[in-house]
Amino acid sequence: MSKNKVSRRQFLSYTLTGVGGFMAAGMLMPMVRFAVDPVLQPKASSDFIPTQQKVADITDVPTRVDFKFEQQDAWYTSEETGTAWVYKDDKGEIVALSPVCKHLGCVVDWNSDKANQNHFYCPCHGGLYTKDGTNVPGTPPFAPLDVYPYIEKDGYLHLGKAEPKKGA
């Protein structure tokens, strides 16, 4: 026998502490896994989203292009629809503009205001943008429309995440 005797009270205290710790760990582990699991999932291989727009069919008139992509919110995945205004500029390069107004986040439309032909128009507060997405001075937008980076793959347009216009 050892010199340090454990009393019944100490034995019960140690036993209950151990059992309580084991039960707490059993309850906390699923919660920790639930919170951490989405972070550990593999990400998509490409940042560019395919569209149904053929590059050969893009003209100098801005055309609305809709595209679908999967959006991951923690453990919930949903299919979302995005939109871009796509056209070729004077140099023949593709320009893909975000339709989200920089004033309050409304959606702009091409050539929809009869008083301001050949402009993007925001119906919420009368915001105007030129064809290249630059905000018209004296109207509510404080910045130009965002620009989508793009690549051509198999003859179709693929769009990246919208970025602020450079040089603005």
C-alpha atoms as a PDB file:
ATOM      1  CA  MET A   1       0.000   0.000   0.000  1.00  0.00           C
ATOM      2  CA  SER A   2       1.113   3.527  -0.642  1.00  0.00           C
ATOM      3  CA  LYS A   3       1.663   6.124   2.024  1.00  0.00           C
ATOM      4  CA  ASN A   4      -0.785   8.609   0.425  1.00  0.00           C
ATOM      5  CA  LYS A   5      -4.214   7.218   0.937  1.00  0.00           C
ATOM      6  CA  VAL A   6      -7.035   8.535  -1.226  1.00  0.00           C
ATOM      7  CA  SER A   7     -10.160   9.217   0.715  1.00  0.00           C
ATOM      8  CA  ARG A   8     -13.550   8.226  -0.595  1.00  0.00           C
ATOM      9  CA  ARG A   9     -14.391  11.898  -1.147  1.00  0.00           C
ATOM     10  CA  GLN A  10     -11.239  12.431  -3.279  1.00  0.00           C
ATOM     11  CA  PHE A  11     -11.915   9.225  -5.239  1.00  0.00           C
ATOM     12  CA  LEU A  12     -15.478  10.346  -6.071  1.00  0.00           C
ATOM     13  CA  SER A  13     -14.225  13.828  -6.942  1.00  0.00           C
ATOM     14  CA  TYR A  14     -11.574  12.465  -9.351  1.00  0.00           C
ATOM     15  CA  THR A  15     -14.017   9.987 -10.879  1.00  0.00           C
ATOM     16  CA  LEU A  16     -16.770  12.541 -11.440  1.00  0.00           C
ATOM     17  CA  THR A  17     -14.288  15.074 -12.877  1.00  0.00           C
ATOM     18  CA  GLY A  18     -12.972  12.477 -15.330  1.00  0.00           C
ATOM     19  CA  VAL A  19     -16.439  11.330 -16.390  1.00  0.00           C
ATOM     20  CA  GLY A  20     -17.627  14.963 -16.717  1.00  0.00           C
ATOM     21  CA  GLY A  21     -14.600  15.856 -18.841  1.00  0.00           C
ATOM     22  CA  PHE A  22     -15.166  12.828 -21.077  1.00  0.00           C
ATOM     23  CA  MET A  23     -18.853  13.768 -21.549  1.00  0.00           C
ATOM     24  CA  ALA A  24     -17.994  17.423 -22.258  1.00  0.00           C
ATOM     25  CA  ALA A  25     -15.434  16.371 -24.885  1.00  0.00           C
ATOM     26  CA  GLY A  26     -18.035  14.075 -26.447  1.00  0.00           C
ATOM     27  CA  MET A  27     -20.445  17.002 -26.768  1.00  0.00           C
ATOM     28  CA  LEU A  28     -17.892  19.598 -27.946  1.00  0.00           C
ATOM     29  CA  MET A  29     -16.138  17.557 -30.640  1.00  0.00           C
ATOM     30  CA  PRO A  30     -19.119  17.511 -33.069  1.00  0.00           C
ATOM     31  CA  MET A  31     -19.556  21.271 -32.583  1.00  0.00           C
ATOM     32  CA  VAL A  32     -15.897  21.950 -33.315  1.00  0.00           C
ATOM     33  CA  ARG A  33     -16.000  19.704 -36.385  1.00  0.00           C
ATOM     34  CA  PHE A  34     -19.184  21.440 -37.574  1.00  0.00           C
ATOM     35  CA  ALA A  35     -17.453  24.832 -37.370  1.00  0.00           C
ATOM     36  CA  VAL A  36     -14.099  23.771 -38.858  1.00  0.00           C
ATOM     37  CA  ASP A  37     -15.197  21.276 -41.543  1.00  0.00           C
ATOM     38  CA  PRO A  38     -16.161  23.829 -44.263  1.00  0.00           C
ATOM     39  CA  VAL A  39     -12.719  25.424 -43.974  1.00  0.00           C
ATOM     40  CA  LEU A  40     -11.013  22.088 -44.631  1.00  0.00           C
ATOM     41  CA  GLN A  41     -13.010  21.239 -47.776  1.00  0.00           C
ATOM     42  CA  PRO A  42     -11.115  21.429 -51.096  1.00  0.00           C
ATOM     43  CA  LYS A  43     -11.747  24.549 -53.158  1.00  0.00           C
ATOM     44  CA  ALA A  44     -12.705  24.798 -56.821  1.00  0.00           C
ATOM     45  CA  SER A  45      -9.891  24.391 -59.321  1.00  0.00           C
ATOM     46  CA  SER A  46     -10.675  27.505 -61.381  1.00  0.00           C
ATOM     47  CA  ASP A  47     -11.668  31.043 -60.477  1.00  0.00           C
ATOM     48  CA  PHE A  48     -13.280  31.619 -63.881  1.00  0.00           C
ATOM     49  CA  ILE A  49     -16.959  30.830 -64.412  1.00  0.00           C
ATOM     50  CA  PRO A  50     -18.099  29.632 -67.848  1.00  0.00           C
ATOM     51  CA  THR A  51     -20.864  31.512 -69.658  1.00  0.00           C
ATOM     52  CA  GLN A  52     -23.000  30.541 -72.642  1.00  0.00           C
ATOM     53  CA  GLN A  53     -21.657  33.527 -74.615  1.00  0.00           C
ATOM     54  CA  LYS A  54     -19.544  32.662 -77.653  1.00  0.00           C
ATOM     55  CA  VAL A  55     -16.639  35.059 -78.049  1.00  0.00           C
ATOM     56  CA  ALA A  56     -17.234  35.227 -81.807  1.00  0.00           C
ATOM     57  CA  ASP A  57     -20.766  36.561 -81.221  1.00  0.00           C
ATOM     58  CA  ILE A  58     -19.705  39.535 -79.062  1.00  0.00           C
ATOM     59  CA  THR A  59     -20.334  42.871 -80.807  1.00  0.00           C
ATOM     60  CA  ASP A  60     -19.661  46.526 -80.003  1.00  0.00           C
ATOM     61  CA  VAL A  61     -23.108  46.874 -78.387  1.00  0.00           C
ATOM     62  CA  PRO A  62     -23.232  45.952 -74.680  1.00  0.00           C
ATOM     63  CA  THR A  63     -25.129  42.695 -74.263  1.00  0.00           C
ATOM     64  CA  ARG A  64     -26.393  41.223 -71.023  1.00  0.00           C
ATOM     65  CA  VAL A  65     -24.743  37.858 -70.276  1.00  0.00           C
ATOM     66  CA  ASP A  66     -26.119  35.709 -67.458  1.00  0.00           C
ATOM     67  CA  PHE A  67     -24.053  32.942 -65.877  1.00  0.00           C
ATOM     68  CA  LYS A  68     -24.598  30.442 -63.074  1.00  0.00           C
ATOM     69  CA  PHE A  69     -22.184  29.458 -60.346  1.00  0.00           C
ATOM     70  CA  GLU A  70     -22.186  27.610 -57.063  1.00  0.00           C
ATOM     71  CA  GLN A  71     -21.871  29.748 -53.961  1.00  0.00           C
ATOM     72  CA  GLN A  72     -20.591  28.192 -50.755  1.00  0.00           C
ATOM     73  CA  ASP A  73     -21.835  29.687 -47.483  1.00  0.00           C
ATOM     74  CA  ALA A  74     -20.203  27.623 -44.713  1.00  0.00           C
ATOM     75  CA  TRP A  75     -21.804  24.188 -45.167  1.00  0.00           C
ATOM     76  CA  TYR A  76     -24.618  25.367 -47.487  1.00  0.00           C
ATOM     77  CA  THR A  77     -24.113  25.350 -51.265  1.00  0.00           C
ATOM     78  CA  SER A  78     -26.531  27.193 -53.541  1.00  0.00           C
ATOM     79  CA  GLU A  79     -26.679  27.925 -57.258  1.00  0.00           C
ATOM     80  CA  GLU A  80     -26.590  31.660 -57.950  1.00  0.00           C
ATOM     81  CA  THR A  81     -27.050  33.645 -61.145  1.00  0.00           C
ATOM     82  CA  GLY A  82     -24.658  36.445 -62.047  1.00  0.00           C
ATOM     83  CA  THR A  83     -24.853  39.044 -64.796  1.00  0.00           C
ATOM     84  CA  ALA A  84     -22.345  41.007 -66.851  1.00  0.00           C
ATOM     85  CA  TRP A  85     -22.581  43.581 -69.621  1.00  0.00           C
ATOM     86  CA  VAL A  86     -20.203  42.408 -72.364  1.00  0.00           C
ATOM     87  CA  TYR A  87     -19.052  44.151 -75.547  1.00  0.00           C
ATOM     88  CA  LYS A  88     -15.958  44.772 -77.697  1.00  0.00           C
ATOM     89  CA  ASP A  89     -14.317  48.184 -77.455  1.00  0.00           C
ATOM     90  CA  ASP A  90     -12.784  50.239 -80.296  1.00  0.00           C
ATOM     91  CA  LYS A  91      -9.581  48.157 -80.132  1.00  0.00           C
ATOM     92  CA  GLY A  92     -11.546  44.911 -80.477  1.00  0.00           C
ATOM     93  CA  GLU A  93     -10.866  43.879 -76.887  1.00  0.00           C
ATOM     94  CA  ILE A  94     -13.632  42.385 -74.773  1.00  0.00           C
ATOM     95  CA  VAL A  95     -14.993  44.482 -71.913  1.00  0.00           C
ATOM     96  CA  ALA A  96     -17.143  42.794 -69.237  1.00  0.00           C
ATOM     97  CA  LEU A  97     -18.772  45.178 -66.754  1.00  0.00           C
ATOM     98  CA  SER A  98     -20.605  44.430 -63.534  1.00  0.00           C
ATOM     99  CA  PRO A  99     -24.221  45.657 -63.552  1.00  0.00           C
ATOM    100  CA  VAL A 100     -24.091  46.724 -59.882  1.00  0.00           C
ATOM    101  CA  CYS A 101     -24.296  50.503 -59.392  1.00  0.00           C
ATOM    102  CA  LYS A 102     -21.582  51.880 -57.099  1.00  0.00           C
ATOM    103  CA  HIS A 103     -24.027  54.278 -55.435  1.00  0.00           C
ATOM    104  CA  LEU A 104     -26.453  51.960 -53.640  1.00  0.00           C
ATOM    105  CA  GLY A 105     -26.018  48.596 -55.345  1.00  0.00           C
ATOM    106  CA  CYS A 106     -28.970  48.791 -57.730  1.00  0.00           C
ATOM    107  CA  VAL A 107     -28.761  47.122 -61.144  1.00  0.00           C
ATOM    108  CA  VAL A 108     -27.894  49.291 -64.144  1.00  0.00           C
ATOM    109  CA  ASP A 109     -29.300  48.748 -67.609  1.00  0.00           C
ATOM    110  CA  TRP A 110     -27.890  49.686 -71.006  1.00  0.00           C
ATOM    111  CA  ASN A 111     -29.660  52.329 -73.082  1.00  0.00           C
ATOM    112  CA  SER A 112     -32.852  52.249 -70.988  1.00  0.00           C
ATOM    113  CA  ASP A 113     -33.112  56.018 -70.354  1.00  0.00           C
ATOM    114  CA  LYS A 114     -34.473  57.858 -73.379  1.00  0.00           C
ATOM    115  CA  ALA A 115     -32.930  61.159 -72.207  1.00  0.00           C
ATOM    116  CA  ASN A 116     -29.439  59.632 -72.033  1.00  0.00           C
ATOM    117  CA  GLN A 117     -28.949  57.333 -74.997  1.00  0.00           C
ATOM    118  CA  ASN A 118     -25.899  55.010 -75.113  1.00  0.00           C
ATOM    119  CA  HIS A 119     -25.361  55.129 -71.350  1.00  0.00           C
ATOM    120  CA  PHE A 120     -25.783  52.679 -68.505  1.00  0.00           C
ATOM    121  CA  TYR A 121     -28.642  53.985 -66.375  1.00  0.00           C
ATOM    122  CA  CYS A 122     -29.456  53.237 -62.736  1.00  0.00           C
ATOM    123  CA  PRO A 123     -33.197  53.671 -62.181  1.00  0.00           C
ATOM    124  CA  CYS A 124     -32.908  53.967 -58.373  1.00  0.00           C
ATOM    125  CA  HIS A 125     -31.417  57.466 -58.219  1.00  0.00           C
ATOM    126  CA  GLY A 126     -30.751  58.426 -61.828  1.00  0.00           C
ATOM    127  CA  GLY A 127     -27.112  57.338 -61.910  1.00  0.00           C
ATOM    128  CA  LEU A 128     -25.340  57.356 -65.273  1.00  0.00           C
ATOM    129  CA  TYR A 129     -22.272  55.567 -66.604  1.00  0.00           C
ATOM    130  CA  THR A 130     -20.636  55.889 -70.003  1.00  0.00           C
ATOM    131  CA  LYS A 131     -20.250  52.835 -72.234  1.00  0.00           C
ATOM    132  CA  ASP A 132     -16.843  52.002 -70.731  1.00  0.00           C
ATOM    133  CA  GLY A 133     -18.331  52.016 -67.202  1.00  0.00           C
ATOM    134  CA  THR A 134     -17.038  55.428 -66.103  1.00  0.00           C
ATOM    135  CA  ASN A 135     -19.407  57.318 -63.820  1.00  0.00           C
ATOM    136  CA  VAL A 136     -20.824  60.556 -65.254  1.00  0.00           C
ATOM    137  CA  PRO A 137     -19.965  63.595 -63.079  1.00  0.00           C
ATOM    138  CA  GLY A 138     -22.970  65.208 -61.431  1.00  0.00           C
ATOM    139  CA  THR A 139     -24.858  61.924 -60.995  1.00  0.00           C
ATOM    140  CA  PRO A 140     -24.965  59.839 -57.797  1.00  0.00           C
ATOM    141  CA  PRO A 141     -22.398  57.087 -58.538  1.00  0.00           C
ATOM    142  CA  PHE A 142     -19.064  57.810 -56.848  1.00  0.00           C
ATOM    143  CA  ALA A 143     -16.984  55.254 -58.770  1.00  0.00           C
ATOM    144  CA  PRO A 144     -16.930  53.440 -62.123  1.00  0.00           C
ATOM    145  CA  LEU A 145     -18.580  50.058 -62.621  1.00  0.00           C
ATOM    146  CA  ASP A 146     -16.482  47.050 -61.630  1.00  0.00           C
ATOM    147  CA  VAL A 147     -14.820  45.034 -64.400  1.00  0.00           C
ATOM    148  CA  TYR A 148     -14.794  41.258 -64.766  1.00  0.00           C
ATOM    149  CA  PRO A 149     -11.484  39.678 -65.767  1.00  0.00           C
ATOM    150  CA  TYR A 150     -12.091  37.145 -68.531  1.00  0.00           C
ATOM    151  CA  ILE A 151     -10.535  34.328 -70.497  1.00  0.00           C
ATOM    152  CA  GLU A 152     -11.579  32.601 -73.684  1.00  0.00           C
ATOM    153  CA  LYS A 153     -11.817  28.832 -73.444  1.00  0.00           C
ATOM    154  CA  ASP A 154     -13.072  26.592 -76.253  1.00  0.00           C
ATOM    155  CA  GLY A 155     -14.624  29.627 -77.962  1.00  0.00           C
ATOM    156  CA  TYR A 156     -16.698  30.614 -74.920  1.00  0.00           C
ATOM    157  CA  LEU A 157     -16.314  33.501 -72.507  1.00  0.00           C
ATOM    158  CA  HIS A 158     -15.295  32.677 -68.914  1.00  0.00           C
ATOM    159  CA  LEU A 159     -15.564  35.423 -66.286  1.00  0.00           C
ATOM    160  CA  GLY A 160     -13.625  35.884 -63.057  1.00  0.00           C
ATOM    161  CA  LYS A 161     -14.580  37.806 -59.926  1.00  0.00           C
ATOM    162  CA  ALA A 162     -15.490  41.470 -60.496  1.00  0.00           C
ATOM    163  CA  GLU A 163     -12.715  43.935 -59.590  1.00  0.00           C
ATOM    164  CA  PRO A 164     -12.651  47.731 -59.334  1.00  0.00           C
ATOM    165  CA  LYS A 165     -11.785  49.415 -62.626  1.00  0.00           C
ATOM    166  CA  LYS A 166      -8.073  50.205 -62.895  1.00  0.00           C
ATOM    167  CA  GLY A 167      -7.081  53.809 -63.309  1.00  0.00           C
ATOM    168  CA  ALA A 168     -10.207  55.077 -61.596  1.00  0.00           C
END
